[in-house]
Amino acid sequence: MKRWIPFLKSVPVVSVLRLEGTISSVTRGQTLNDTGLASTIERAFRRRKPDAVALVINSPGGSPAQSSLIAARIRRLADEKKIPVFAFVEDVAASGGYWLASAADEIWLDASSIVGSIGVISSNFGFSEFIERHGVERRVHTAGKSKSTLDPFQPEKAADVKRLRAILEQMHVTFIDQVKKRRGDRLAEGTDLFTGEFWIGQTGVDLGLADGIGHLVPKMKERFGDKVKLVPYSQKRPLLARFGVQIMGDVLAVTEERALFARYGL
C-alpha cells in the first residue's frame, strides 16, 4: 500500500526471474522456452512496477531459436517499460544460456561461474550399420531429393553435412551479432570470443563477457538500498514434475540436460 500513497517514498522493488535448465521448444521436465516463460516474464516486468528485473541464470543452453525468442521478449519489455535488467549467473550461462544473459544491461558472475561457448552445435547418432547387422531393412519413399536429409538410419552423405554446416554457420552469425550488439565495446579486443570456448569467473569478466563478480542480494542492495524488496518469479513446472512423477519423456529430457551440463564439467 505504501507504494501508492502520494509524497511517501516507496520501497524499491526488483523482480527476480529465475531461468534454470536447458532451453528447448519441447516442454518436458525443467526446460525453458518462450511459450512456457511468456506469462512469467510479463508478470516480472508489469506487476508491482519494479525498479529493475534481475535474471538468475543457470543454463547450459539448447535451442538457438528459443534462446533468441526469450532474450528478445525480455529486451522488448525492458525497452518498453524503461526498466534496467541485471543478469546473475550461477553455475553456468553458456551457449544459449549466455544468449539469455546477453539480454541484460549488466552481467554479474560468481568467481566459479562458467560463461561463453558462443557457438552452435548439432549432434545425433547413426544407426545404418546397426540395422544392417541385425537384418533390418530401412524403407524410405520421398518426393524431393532432400526430404530425408540426415536420416540417422542411412549412411551420412557429404551433401547433407555441407548443407547442415551452412545452416549452423548462419545460426552462429546470428548469435555473434546478438553478443556484439548487447556487449559492444565492453568485449575485449585481440581474443576470438566466438570459437565456442568457455571461460570461468574473472576471466570471463576480463574478456568483457561480464561486468564483474557480484551476487544478487548485495548487488541489488548496493544499487537500490538496503530496503530493496526482491520479488521472485519462476516458470511453473508441470503438475506431475512437481510431485516427482517421471515418465519416459521426462527421463530422456533429464538425460539430455545432464549431458549438456556435463560439457562444462558440471
C-alpha atoms as a PDB file:
ATOM      1  CA  MET A   1       0.000   0.000   0.000  1.00  0.00           C
ATOM      2  CA  LYS A   2       2.853   2.335   0.833  1.00  0.00           C
ATOM      3  CA  ARG A   3       3.947   2.423  -2.808  1.00  0.00           C
ATOM      4  CA  TRP A   4       0.716   4.104  -3.836  1.00  0.00           C
ATOM      5  CA  ILE A   5       0.494   6.878  -1.224  1.00  0.00           C
ATOM      6  CA  PRO A   6       1.428  10.263  -2.790  1.00  0.00           C
ATOM      7  CA  PHE A   7       4.505  12.073  -1.451  1.00  0.00           C
ATOM      8  CA  LEU A   8       5.599   8.987   0.519  1.00  0.00           C
ATOM      9  CA  LYS A   9       8.820   7.413  -0.654  1.00  0.00           C
ATOM     10  CA  SER A  10       8.237   3.839  -1.832  1.00  0.00           C
ATOM     11  CA  VAL A  11      10.392   0.808  -1.193  1.00  0.00           C
ATOM     12  CA  PRO A  12      12.373  -0.156  -4.337  1.00  0.00           C
ATOM     13  CA  VAL A  13      11.211  -3.425  -5.902  1.00  0.00           C
ATOM     14  CA  VAL A  14      13.301  -5.777  -8.025  1.00  0.00           C
ATOM     15  CA  SER A  15      11.638  -8.661  -9.844  1.00  0.00           C
ATOM     16  CA  VAL A  16      13.846 -11.755  -9.710  1.00  0.00           C
ATOM     17  CA  LEU A  17      13.270 -14.009 -12.716  1.00  0.00           C
ATOM     18  CA  ARG A  18      14.849 -17.466 -12.443  1.00  0.00           C
ATOM     19  CA  LEU A  19      15.940 -19.046 -15.740  1.00  0.00           C
ATOM     20  CA  GLU A  20      17.191 -22.518 -14.916  1.00  0.00           C
ATOM     21  CA  GLY A  21      17.566 -25.599 -17.109  1.00  0.00           C
ATOM     22  CA  THR A  22      18.116 -26.447 -20.741  1.00  0.00           C
ATOM     23  CA  ILE A  23      16.455 -24.428 -23.499  1.00  0.00           C
ATOM     24  CA  SER A  24      14.087 -26.413 -25.693  1.00  0.00           C
ATOM     25  CA  SER A  25      10.866 -25.999 -27.652  1.00  0.00           C
ATOM     26  CA  VAL A  26       9.644 -29.230 -26.030  1.00  0.00           C
ATOM     27  CA  THR A  27       8.161 -28.541 -22.580  1.00  0.00           C
ATOM     28  CA  ARG A  28       9.448 -31.508 -20.616  1.00  0.00           C
ATOM     29  CA  GLY A  29      10.943 -31.632 -17.162  1.00  0.00           C
ATOM     30  CA  GLN A  30      12.899 -28.468 -16.343  1.00  0.00           C
ATOM     31  CA  THR A  31      13.226 -26.836 -19.752  1.00  0.00           C
ATOM     32  CA  LEU A  32      12.991 -23.202 -20.810  1.00  0.00           C
ATOM     33  CA  ASN A  33      11.087 -21.954 -23.839  1.00  0.00           C
ATOM     34  CA  ASP A  34       9.333 -18.790 -24.903  1.00  0.00           C
ATOM     35  CA  THR A  35       5.808 -20.201 -24.656  1.00  0.00           C
ATOM     36  CA  GLY A  36       6.327 -21.541 -21.149  1.00  0.00           C
ATOM     37  CA  LEU A  37       8.050 -18.387 -19.915  1.00  0.00           C
ATOM     38  CA  ALA A  38       5.942 -15.716 -21.645  1.00  0.00           C
ATOM     39  CA  SER A  39       3.445 -15.079 -18.852  1.00  0.00           C
ATOM     40  CA  THR A  40       6.146 -15.269 -16.155  1.00  0.00           C
ATOM     41  CA  ILE A  41       8.338 -12.715 -17.942  1.00  0.00           C
ATOM     42  CA  GLU A  42       5.337 -10.447 -18.488  1.00  0.00           C
ATOM     43  CA  ARG A  43       4.462 -10.548 -14.767  1.00  0.00           C
ATOM     44  CA  ALA A  44       8.050  -9.852 -13.756  1.00  0.00           C
ATOM     45  CA  PHE A  45       8.052  -6.618 -15.776  1.00  0.00           C
ATOM     46  CA  ARG A  46       4.484  -5.455 -15.127  1.00  0.00           C
ATOM     47  CA  ARG A  47       3.495  -6.383 -11.565  1.00  0.00           C
ATOM     48  CA  ARG A  48       4.375  -4.077  -8.664  1.00  0.00           C
ATOM     49  CA  LYS A  49       6.009  -1.583 -11.066  1.00  0.00           C
ATOM     50  CA  PRO A  50       9.559  -2.901 -10.475  1.00  0.00           C
ATOM     51  CA  ASP A  51      12.597  -0.639 -10.432  1.00  0.00           C
ATOM     52  CA  ALA A  52      14.623  -3.405 -12.100  1.00  0.00           C
ATOM     53  CA  VAL A  53      14.450  -7.016 -13.245  1.00  0.00           C
ATOM     54  CA  ALA A  54      17.166  -9.446 -12.177  1.00  0.00           C
ATOM     55  CA  LEU A  55      17.718 -12.627 -14.208  1.00  0.00           C
ATOM     56  CA  VAL A  56      19.146 -15.521 -12.201  1.00  0.00           C
ATOM     57  CA  ILE A  57      20.584 -17.812 -14.863  1.00  0.00           C
ATOM     58  CA  ASN A  58      21.777 -21.404 -14.659  1.00  0.00           C
ATOM     59  CA  SER A  59      21.596 -22.877 -18.157  1.00  0.00           C
ATOM     60  CA  PRO A  60      23.989 -24.789 -20.452  1.00  0.00           C
ATOM     61  CA  GLY A  61      21.977 -23.709 -23.499  1.00  0.00           C
ATOM     62  CA  GLY A  62      19.921 -25.585 -26.052  1.00  0.00           C
ATOM     63  CA  SER A  63      17.691 -24.321 -28.857  1.00  0.00           C
ATOM     64  CA  PRO A  64      19.067 -21.218 -30.661  1.00  0.00           C
ATOM     65  CA  ALA A  65      15.581 -20.137 -31.739  1.00  0.00           C
ATOM     66  CA  GLN A  66      14.102 -20.397 -28.237  1.00  0.00           C
ATOM     67  CA  SER A  67      17.129 -18.597 -26.786  1.00  0.00           C
ATOM     68  CA  SER A  68      16.593 -15.773 -29.263  1.00  0.00           C
ATOM     69  CA  LEU A  69      12.835 -15.584 -28.608  1.00  0.00           C
ATOM     70  CA  ILE A  70      13.215 -15.448 -24.825  1.00  0.00           C
ATOM     71  CA  ALA A  71      16.000 -12.836 -24.970  1.00  0.00           C
ATOM     72  CA  ALA A  72      14.008 -10.736 -27.449  1.00  0.00           C
ATOM     73  CA  ARG A  73      10.922 -10.808 -25.200  1.00  0.00           C
ATOM     74  CA  ILE A  74      12.996  -9.617 -22.244  1.00  0.00           C
ATOM     75  CA  ARG A  75      14.515  -6.777 -24.273  1.00  0.00           C
ATOM     76  CA  ARG A  76      11.147  -5.677 -25.704  1.00  0.00           C
ATOM     77  CA  LEU A  77       9.649  -5.329 -22.241  1.00  0.00           C
ATOM     78  CA  ALA A  78      12.780  -3.702 -20.816  1.00  0.00           C
ATOM     79  CA  ASP A  79      12.772  -1.068 -23.550  1.00  0.00           C
ATOM     80  CA  GLU A  80       9.007  -0.580 -23.431  1.00  0.00           C
ATOM     81  CA  LYS A  81       8.922  -0.140 -19.636  1.00  0.00           C
ATOM     82  CA  LYS A  82      12.357   1.514 -19.418  1.00  0.00           C
ATOM     83  CA  ILE A  83      13.374  -0.986 -16.733  1.00  0.00           C
ATOM     84  CA  PRO A  84      17.049  -1.947 -16.297  1.00  0.00           C
ATOM     85  CA  VAL A  85      17.879  -5.659 -16.437  1.00  0.00           C
ATOM     86  CA  PHE A  86      20.676  -7.338 -14.490  1.00  0.00           C
ATOM     87  CA  ALA A  87      21.816 -10.943 -15.053  1.00  0.00           C
ATOM     88  CA  PHE A  88      23.353 -13.020 -12.266  1.00  0.00           C
ATOM     89  CA  VAL A  89      24.987 -16.265 -13.381  1.00  0.00           C
ATOM     90  CA  GLU A  90      25.079 -19.236 -11.037  1.00  0.00           C
ATOM     91  CA  ASP A  91      26.902 -22.382 -12.272  1.00  0.00           C
ATOM     92  CA  VAL A  92      26.752 -21.687 -15.975  1.00  0.00           C
ATOM     93  CA  ALA A  93      25.398 -19.369 -18.660  1.00  0.00           C
ATOM     94  CA  ALA A  94      26.869 -20.952 -21.759  1.00  0.00           C
ATOM     95  CA  SER A  95      25.763 -21.179 -25.368  1.00  0.00           C
ATOM     96  CA  GLY A  96      22.023 -20.393 -25.318  1.00  0.00           C
ATOM     97  CA  GLY A  97      22.338 -19.660 -21.603  1.00  0.00           C
ATOM     98  CA  TYR A  98      24.737 -16.845 -22.429  1.00  0.00           C
ATOM     99  CA  TRP A  99      22.336 -15.669 -25.138  1.00  0.00           C
ATOM    100  CA  LEU A 100      19.781 -15.185 -22.337  1.00  0.00           C
ATOM    101  CA  ALA A 101      22.336 -13.344 -20.194  1.00  0.00           C
ATOM    102  CA  SER A 102      23.156 -11.021 -23.084  1.00  0.00           C
ATOM    103  CA  ALA A 103      19.599  -9.663 -22.872  1.00  0.00           C
ATOM    104  CA  ALA A 104      20.615  -7.914 -19.644  1.00  0.00           C
ATOM    105  CA  ASP A 105      22.201  -4.480 -19.381  1.00  0.00           C
ATOM    106  CA  GLU A 106      24.780  -5.875 -16.970  1.00  0.00           C
ATOM    107  CA  ILE A 107      26.030  -9.428 -16.361  1.00  0.00           C
ATOM    108  CA  TRP A 108      27.421 -10.469 -12.976  1.00  0.00           C
ATOM    109  CA  LEU A 109      29.188 -13.742 -12.169  1.00  0.00           C
ATOM    110  CA  ASP A 110      30.283 -15.826  -9.235  1.00  0.00           C
ATOM    111  CA  ALA A 111      34.033 -16.468  -9.183  1.00  0.00           C
ATOM    112  CA  SER A 112      33.260 -20.053 -10.258  1.00  0.00           C
ATOM    113  CA  SER A 113      30.598 -19.301 -12.888  1.00  0.00           C
ATOM    114  CA  ILE A 114      31.145 -20.510 -16.462  1.00  0.00           C
ATOM    115  CA  VAL A 115      30.252 -18.255 -19.398  1.00  0.00           C
ATOM    116  CA  GLY A 116      30.756 -18.236 -23.156  1.00  0.00           C
ATOM    117  CA  SER A 117      30.501 -21.171 -25.541  1.00  0.00           C
ATOM    118  CA  ILE A 118      29.368 -18.759 -28.254  1.00  0.00           C
ATOM    119  CA  GLY A 119      28.884 -21.314 -30.988  1.00  0.00           C
ATOM    120  CA  VAL A 120      26.301 -23.702 -32.421  1.00  0.00           C
ATOM    121  CA  ILE A 121      26.305 -27.493 -32.244  1.00  0.00           C
ATOM    122  CA  SER A 122      24.272 -30.262 -33.834  1.00  0.00           C
ATOM    123  CA  SER A 123      24.615 -33.863 -32.690  1.00  0.00           C
ATOM    124  CA  ASN A 124      22.825 -37.152 -33.315  1.00  0.00           C
ATOM    125  CA  PHE A 125      23.505 -40.867 -33.786  1.00  0.00           C
ATOM    126  CA  GLY A 126      23.960 -43.075 -36.846  1.00  0.00           C
ATOM    127  CA  PHE A 127      22.298 -46.488 -36.903  1.00  0.00           C
ATOM    128  CA  SER A 128      22.821 -47.616 -40.502  1.00  0.00           C
ATOM    129  CA  GLU A 129      25.407 -50.307 -39.695  1.00  0.00           C
ATOM    130  CA  PHE A 130      23.463 -51.446 -36.632  1.00  0.00           C
ATOM    131  CA  ILE A 131      20.232 -52.152 -38.506  1.00  0.00           C
ATOM    132  CA  GLU A 132      22.134 -53.802 -41.369  1.00  0.00           C
ATOM    133  CA  ARG A 133      23.913 -56.084 -38.917  1.00  0.00           C
ATOM    134  CA  HIS A 134      20.580 -57.133 -37.436  1.00  0.00           C
ATOM    135  CA  GLY A 135      18.879 -57.729 -40.770  1.00  0.00           C
ATOM    136  CA  VAL A 136      16.584 -54.707 -40.606  1.00  0.00           C
ATOM    137  CA  GLU A 137      15.638 -53.133 -43.917  1.00  0.00           C
ATOM    138  CA  ARG A 138      15.033 -49.374 -43.924  1.00  0.00           C
ATOM    139  CA  ARG A 139      12.320 -48.297 -46.416  1.00  0.00           C
ATOM    140  CA  VAL A 140      12.018 -44.589 -47.170  1.00  0.00           C
ATOM    141  CA  HIS A 141       9.991 -43.044 -50.002  1.00  0.00           C
ATOM    142  CA  THR A 142      10.147 -39.299 -50.645  1.00  0.00           C
ATOM    143  CA  ALA A 143       9.063 -36.649 -53.108  1.00  0.00           C
ATOM    144  CA  GLY A 144      12.032 -34.281 -53.205  1.00  0.00           C
ATOM    145  CA  LYS A 145      15.646 -35.424 -53.159  1.00  0.00           C
ATOM    146  CA  SER A 146      16.458 -33.654 -49.873  1.00  0.00           C
ATOM    147  CA  LYS A 147      13.415 -34.804 -47.929  1.00  0.00           C
ATOM    148  CA  SER A 148      15.354 -37.464 -45.993  1.00  0.00           C
ATOM    149  CA  THR A 149      18.342 -35.262 -45.180  1.00  0.00           C
ATOM    150  CA  LEU A 150      20.454 -36.518 -42.264  1.00  0.00           C
ATOM    151  CA  ASP A 151      18.359 -39.665 -41.776  1.00  0.00           C
ATOM    152  CA  PRO A 152      20.135 -41.436 -38.857  1.00  0.00           C
ATOM    153  CA  PHE A 153      19.218 -44.840 -40.318  1.00  0.00           C
ATOM    154  CA  GLN A 154      21.081 -44.177 -43.580  1.00  0.00           C
ATOM    155  CA  PRO A 155      24.808 -43.636 -44.193  1.00  0.00           C
ATOM    156  CA  GLU A 156      25.846 -39.988 -43.813  1.00  0.00           C
ATOM    157  CA  LYS A 157      26.038 -38.079 -47.085  1.00  0.00           C
ATOM    158  CA  ALA A 158      28.614 -35.379 -47.815  1.00  0.00           C
ATOM    159  CA  ALA A 159      25.980 -33.112 -49.380  1.00  0.00           C
ATOM    160  CA  ASP A 160      23.809 -33.350 -46.253  1.00  0.00           C
ATOM    161  CA  VAL A 161      26.734 -32.459 -43.991  1.00  0.00           C
ATOM    162  CA  LYS A 162      27.635 -29.485 -46.184  1.00  0.00           C
ATOM    163  CA  ARG A 163      24.057 -28.216 -46.035  1.00  0.00           C
ATOM    164  CA  LEU A 164      23.945 -28.651 -42.248  1.00  0.00           C
ATOM    165  CA  ARG A 165      27.226 -26.776 -41.809  1.00  0.00           C
ATOM    166  CA  ALA A 166      25.855 -23.854 -43.813  1.00  0.00           C
ATOM    167  CA  ILE A 167      22.801 -23.697 -41.529  1.00  0.00           C
ATOM    168  CA  LEU A 168      24.953 -23.866 -38.394  1.00  0.00           C
ATOM    169  CA  GLU A 169      27.168 -21.054 -39.712  1.00  0.00           C
ATOM    170  CA  GLN A 170      24.119 -18.840 -40.257  1.00  0.00           C
ATOM    171  CA  MET A 171      22.947 -19.510 -36.703  1.00  0.00           C
ATOM    172  CA  HIS A 172      26.435 -18.756 -35.415  1.00  0.00           C
ATOM    173  CA  VAL A 173      26.485 -15.378 -37.186  1.00  0.00           C
ATOM    174  CA  THR A 174      23.133 -14.502 -35.587  1.00  0.00           C
ATOM    175  CA  PHE A 175      24.489 -15.441 -32.145  1.00  0.00           C
ATOM    176  CA  ILE A 176      27.650 -13.379 -32.676  1.00  0.00           C
ATOM    177  CA  ASP A 177      25.604 -10.374 -33.810  1.00  0.00           C
ATOM    178  CA  GLN A 178      23.493 -10.624 -30.642  1.00  0.00           C
ATOM    179  CA  VAL A 179      26.547 -10.638 -28.375  1.00  0.00           C
ATOM    180  CA  LYS A 180      28.254  -7.770 -30.235  1.00  0.00           C
ATOM    181  CA  LYS A 181      25.073  -5.709 -30.186  1.00  0.00           C
ATOM    182  CA  ARG A 182      24.499  -6.184 -26.469  1.00  0.00           C
ATOM    183  CA  ARG A 183      28.090  -6.111 -25.164  1.00  0.00           C
ATOM    184  CA  GLY A 184      29.529  -3.622 -27.675  1.00  0.00           C
ATOM    185  CA  ASP A 185      32.902  -2.113 -26.799  1.00  0.00           C
ATOM    186  CA  ARG A 186      32.947  -3.983 -23.488  1.00  0.00           C
ATOM    187  CA  LEU A 187      34.204  -7.044 -25.387  1.00  0.00           C
ATOM    188  CA  ALA A 188      37.967  -7.485 -25.200  1.00  0.00           C
ATOM    189  CA  GLU A 189      39.962  -6.946 -28.367  1.00  0.00           C
ATOM    190  CA  GLY A 190      42.598  -9.368 -29.609  1.00  0.00           C
ATOM    191  CA  THR A 191      40.799 -12.535 -28.456  1.00  0.00           C
ATOM    192  CA  ASP A 192      38.430 -14.572 -30.599  1.00  0.00           C
ATOM    193  CA  LEU A 193      35.442 -14.955 -28.291  1.00  0.00           C
ATOM    194  CA  PHE A 194      33.286 -16.792 -30.816  1.00  0.00           C
ATOM    195  CA  THR A 195      35.013 -20.160 -31.205  1.00  0.00           C
ATOM    196  CA  GLY A 196      32.695 -21.983 -28.790  1.00  0.00           C
ATOM    197  CA  GLU A 197      35.277 -21.785 -25.995  1.00  0.00           C
ATOM    198  CA  PHE A 198      34.063 -21.010 -22.486  1.00  0.00           C
ATOM    199  CA  TRP A 199      35.677 -19.317 -19.504  1.00  0.00           C
ATOM    200  CA  ILE A 200      35.335 -19.105 -15.736  1.00  0.00           C
ATOM    201  CA  GLY A 201      34.719 -16.219 -13.363  1.00  0.00           C
ATOM    202  CA  GLN A 202      37.182 -13.329 -13.546  1.00  0.00           C
ATOM    203  CA  THR A 203      38.495 -14.448 -16.931  1.00  0.00           C
ATOM    204  CA  GLY A 204      35.009 -14.014 -18.349  1.00  0.00           C
ATOM    205  CA  VAL A 205      34.935 -10.528 -16.837  1.00  0.00           C
ATOM    206  CA  ASP A 206      38.363  -9.660 -18.247  1.00  0.00           C
ATOM    207  CA  LEU A 207      37.176 -10.712 -21.713  1.00  0.00           C
ATOM    208  CA  GLY A 208      34.149  -8.430 -21.455  1.00  0.00           C
ATOM    209  CA  LEU A 209      31.589 -11.219 -21.380  1.00  0.00           C
ATOM    210  CA  ALA A 210      30.502  -9.999 -17.943  1.00  0.00           C
ATOM    211  CA  ASP A 211      30.738  -6.791 -15.932  1.00  0.00           C
ATOM    212  CA  GLY A 212      32.124  -8.130 -12.688  1.00  0.00           C
ATOM    213  CA  ILE A 213      31.986 -10.596  -9.840  1.00  0.00           C
ATOM    214  CA  GLY A 214      28.862  -9.979  -7.812  1.00  0.00           C
ATOM    215  CA  HIS A 215      25.864 -11.696  -6.253  1.00  0.00           C
ATOM    216  CA  LEU A 216      22.175 -10.883  -6.431  1.00  0.00           C
ATOM    217  CA  VAL A 217      21.322  -9.626  -2.925  1.00  0.00           C
ATOM    218  CA  PRO A 218      24.400  -7.484  -2.164  1.00  0.00           C
ATOM    219  CA  LYS A 219      24.479  -6.043  -5.674  1.00  0.00           C
ATOM    220  CA  MET A 220      20.810  -5.071  -5.633  1.00  0.00           C
ATOM    221  CA  LYS A 221      21.199  -3.540  -2.148  1.00  0.00           C
ATOM    222  CA  GLU A 222      24.192  -1.613  -3.442  1.00  0.00           C
ATOM    223  CA  ARG A 223      22.126  -0.248  -6.343  1.00  0.00           C
ATOM    224  CA  PHE A 224      18.736   0.272  -4.679  1.00  0.00           C
ATOM    225  CA  GLY A 225      19.402   0.468  -0.944  1.00  0.00           C
ATOM    226  CA  ASP A 226      19.156  -1.951   1.971  1.00  0.00           C
ATOM    227  CA  LYS A 227      15.348  -1.867   1.953  1.00  0.00           C
ATOM    228  CA  VAL A 228      15.039  -3.147  -1.610  1.00  0.00           C
ATOM    229  CA  LYS A 229      12.352  -5.818  -1.952  1.00  0.00           C
ATOM    230  CA  LEU A 230      13.192  -8.829  -4.113  1.00  0.00           C
ATOM    231  CA  VAL A 231      10.118 -10.481  -5.628  1.00  0.00           C
ATOM    232  CA  PRO A 232      10.757 -13.967  -7.115  1.00  0.00           C
ATOM    233  CA  TYR A 233       9.246 -15.224 -10.376  1.00  0.00           C
ATOM    234  CA  SER A 234       9.855 -18.645 -11.880  1.00  0.00           C
ATOM    235  CA  GLN A 235       8.332 -20.843 -14.549  1.00  0.00           C
ATOM    236  CA  LYS A 236       5.688 -23.171 -13.196  1.00  0.00           C
ATOM    237  CA  ARG A 237       6.665 -26.809 -13.539  1.00  0.00           C
ATOM    238  CA  PRO A 238       4.165 -29.375 -14.866  1.00  0.00           C
ATOM    239  CA  LEU A 239       1.951 -30.908 -12.164  1.00  0.00           C
ATOM    240  CA  LEU A 240       3.483 -34.382 -12.409  1.00  0.00           C
ATOM    241  CA  ALA A 241       7.018 -32.991 -12.262  1.00  0.00           C
ATOM    242  CA  ARG A 242       6.162 -31.103  -9.061  1.00  0.00           C
ATOM    243  CA  PHE A 243       5.287 -34.398  -7.381  1.00  0.00           C
ATOM    244  CA  GLY A 244       8.386 -36.127  -8.738  1.00  0.00           C
ATOM    245  CA  VAL A 245       6.475 -38.385 -11.123  1.00  0.00           C
ATOM    246  CA  GLN A 246       8.667 -39.420 -14.076  1.00  0.00           C
ATOM    247  CA  ILE A 247       7.594 -40.786 -17.434  1.00  0.00           C
ATOM    248  CA  MET A 248       9.893 -41.886 -20.245  1.00  0.00           C
ATOM    249  CA  GLY A 249       9.869 -38.479 -21.926  1.00  0.00           C
ATOM    250  CA  ASP A 250      10.984 -36.823 -18.697  1.00  0.00           C
ATOM    251  CA  VAL A 251      13.733 -39.392 -18.206  1.00  0.00           C
ATOM    252  CA  LEU A 252      15.070 -38.641 -21.682  1.00  0.00           C
ATOM    253  CA  ALA A 253      14.841 -34.915 -21.026  1.00  0.00           C
ATOM    254  CA  VAL A 254      16.787 -35.254 -17.772  1.00  0.00           C
ATOM    255  CA  THR A 255      19.421 -37.375 -19.533  1.00  0.00           C
ATOM    256  CA  GLU A 256      19.821 -34.767 -22.261  1.00  0.00           C
ATOM    257  CA  GLU A 257      20.009 -31.980 -19.689  1.00  0.00           C
ATOM    258  CA  ARG A 258      22.727 -33.788 -17.738  1.00  0.00           C
ATOM    259  CA  ALA A 259      24.687 -34.283 -20.974  1.00  0.00           C
ATOM    260  CA  LEU A 260      24.535 -30.545 -21.716  1.00  0.00           C
ATOM    261  CA  PHE A 261      25.662 -29.594 -18.211  1.00  0.00           C
ATOM    262  CA  ALA A 262      28.442 -32.223 -18.426  1.00  0.00           C
ATOM    263  CA  ARG A 263      30.037 -30.312 -21.315  1.00  0.00           C
ATOM    264  CA  TYR A 264      31.069 -27.728 -18.757  1.00  0.00           C
ATOM    265  CA  GLY A 265      32.217 -30.180 -16.086  1.00  0.00           C
ATOM    266  CA  LEU A 266      29.029 -29.767 -14.041  1.00  0.00           C
END
